[in-house]
Amino acid sequence: MREYIYPTTTGAKVNVIVTYVSKDDMEKIISLSFKEGFTLAHNNLDELLLKVK
């Protein structure tokens, strides 16, 4: 997963590119609810944001 963080006038914009090892892995994330899948894919985002502050 690659994350790009850009400052904006109101906070930050985060662009995320997610790459999966297999189609099965991708389908598992898609089958979860959006909130669960997004949380699973971004479990380290808070830590990353603290580092780039």
Protein backbone atom coordinates (compact mmCIF):
# COMPACT_ATOMS: atom_id res chain seq x y z
CA MET A 1 0.00 0.00 0.00
CA ARG A 2 1.27 3.44 -0.89
CA GLU A 3 -0.11 6.56 0.73
CA TYR A 4 0.46 10.09 -0.46
CA ILE A 5 -0.42 12.97 1.86
CA TYR A 6 -0.89 16.49 0.55
CA PRO A 7 -1.59 19.53 2.74
CA THR A 8 -4.73 21.50 1.91
CA THR A 9 -6.14 24.76 3.22
CA THR A 10 -8.53 22.81 5.46
CA GLY A 11 -6.33 19.85 6.52
CA ALA A 12 -4.86 17.11 4.37
CA LYS A 13 -5.71 15.04 1.31
CA VAL A 14 -4.67 11.38 1.43
CA ASN A 15 -4.37 9.33 -1.78
CA VAL A 16 -4.03 5.60 -1.28
CA ILE A 17 -2.95 2.91 -3.74
CA VAL A 18 -3.58 -0.63 -2.53
CA THR A 19 -1.98 -3.65 -4.23
CA TYR A 20 -3.02 -7.20 -3.37
CA VAL A 21 -0.98 -10.40 -3.64
CA SER A 22 -3.94 -12.29 -5.07
CA LYS A 23 -7.42 -11.82 -6.43
CA ASP A 24 -8.74 -13.76 -3.42
CA ASP A 25 -7.17 -11.24 -1.03
CA MET A 26 -8.75 -8.36 -2.95
CA GLU A 27 -12.17 -10.03 -3.00
CA LYS A 28 -11.99 -10.63 0.76
CA ILE A 29 -11.54 -6.89 1.38
CA ILE A 30 -14.31 -6.05 -1.09
CA SER A 31 -16.70 -8.50 0.59
CA LEU A 32 -16.30 -6.74 3.94
CA SER A 33 -18.33 -3.66 4.70
CA PHE A 34 -16.67 -0.44 3.53
CA LYS A 35 -15.81 0.64 7.08
CA GLU A 36 -14.23 -2.71 7.98
CA GLY A 37 -12.29 -2.93 4.73
CA PHE A 38 -11.08 0.66 4.88
CA THR A 39 -10.03 0.26 8.52
CA LEU A 40 -8.22 -2.99 7.76
CA ALA A 41 -6.36 -1.44 4.82
CA HIS A 42 -5.37 1.67 6.81
CA ASN A 43 -4.50 0.26 10.20
CA ASN A 44 -1.26 2.27 10.31
CA LEU A 45 -2.51 5.57 8.85
CA ASP A 46 -2.63 7.37 12.23
CA GLU A 47 1.00 6.42 12.86
CA LEU A 48 2.03 7.59 9.38
CA LEU A 49 0.27 10.94 9.81
CA LEU A 50 2.10 11.55 13.10
CA LYS A 51 5.43 10.93 11.36
CA VAL A 52 4.80 13.42 8.55
CA LYS A 53 3.53 16.23 10.81
